[in-house]
Amino acid sequence: MNDASPASGPQLDRRMLEALVCPLTQGPLTYDAAAQELISRSAGLAFPIREGIPIMLESEARALE
C-alpha cells in the first residue's frame, strides 16, 4: 500500500534526484513536488513524474513560460 497522499503524489527518492540531470543540457534539475515535475531551467523544460517515475523524454516535457 502506498503511504503518499494523492494530492502530493509519490515522493521522489533524493538520491535519484541528485543523480539525474537534464537529458538535453546535462544541467541540474529542480524537483517541483506540487506539480510532480523535474524542472530544467537551462533547457526551459519541465519533465513529468508519473507514479514516481521521471519521464526524461523531450517529447513528454512541458515548455516553461
Protein backbone atom coordinates (compact mmCIF):
# COMPACT_ATOMS: atom_id res chain seq x y z
CA MET A 1 0.00 0.00 0.00
CA ASN A 2 1.29 3.49 -0.88
CA ASP A 3 1.59 5.92 2.06
CA ALA A 4 1.89 9.05 -0.11
CA SER A 5 -1.14 11.30 -0.19
CA PRO A 6 -2.90 11.51 -3.55
CA ALA A 7 -2.60 15.31 -3.59
CA SER A 8 1.19 15.33 -3.46
CA GLY A 9 1.84 12.09 -5.32
CA PRO A 10 4.64 9.69 -4.51
CA GLN A 11 7.85 11.13 -3.12
CA LEU A 12 10.89 11.13 -5.38
CA ASP A 13 13.96 9.48 -3.88
CA ARG A 14 16.50 12.19 -3.02
CA ARG A 15 19.41 10.02 -4.24
CA MET A 16 17.70 9.58 -7.60
CA LEU A 17 17.16 13.33 -7.88
CA GLU A 18 20.84 14.00 -7.16
CA ALA A 19 21.87 11.53 -9.89
CA LEU A 20 19.53 12.84 -12.60
CA VAL A 21 20.48 15.62 -15.00
CA CYS A 22 18.67 17.22 -17.91
CA PRO A 23 18.94 14.88 -20.90
CA LEU A 24 19.39 17.84 -23.27
CA THR A 25 21.82 20.13 -21.43
CA GLN A 26 23.27 17.79 -18.78
CA GLY A 27 22.40 20.61 -16.34
CA PRO A 28 20.86 20.27 -12.88
CA LEU A 29 17.18 19.61 -12.25
CA THR A 30 14.91 21.07 -9.60
CA TYR A 31 12.14 18.94 -8.09
CA ASP A 32 8.67 20.53 -8.01
CA ALA A 33 6.76 18.26 -5.61
CA ALA A 34 3.43 20.06 -6.06
CA ALA A 35 3.46 19.72 -9.85
CA GLN A 36 5.29 16.35 -9.82
CA GLU A 37 7.85 17.61 -12.32
CA LEU A 38 11.61 17.92 -12.67
CA ILE A 39 12.49 21.40 -13.87
CA SER A 40 15.42 22.10 -16.18
CA ARG A 41 15.89 25.87 -16.19
CA SER A 42 18.78 25.58 -18.67
CA ALA A 43 16.55 23.81 -21.22
CA GLY A 44 13.37 25.68 -20.27
CA LEU A 45 11.51 22.39 -19.78
CA ALA A 46 9.57 20.57 -17.07
CA PHE A 47 9.76 16.78 -17.19
CA PRO A 48 6.76 14.95 -15.69
CA ILE A 49 6.96 12.39 -12.92
CA ARG A 50 4.32 9.67 -13.29
CA GLU A 51 3.73 7.17 -10.49
CA GLY A 52 7.10 8.11 -9.01
CA ILE A 53 8.98 7.60 -12.30
CA PRO A 54 10.63 10.60 -14.00
CA ILE A 55 9.82 10.71 -17.72
CA MET A 56 13.02 12.18 -19.16
CA LEU A 57 11.91 12.50 -22.78
CA GLU A 58 11.88 15.84 -24.57
CA SER A 59 8.64 14.83 -26.31
CA GLU A 60 6.94 14.42 -22.91
CA ALA A 61 8.31 17.65 -21.39
CA ARG A 62 6.34 20.84 -20.92
CA ALA A 63 7.89 24.14 -22.03
CA LEU A 64 8.39 26.61 -19.17
CA GLU A 65 6.78 30.00 -19.55
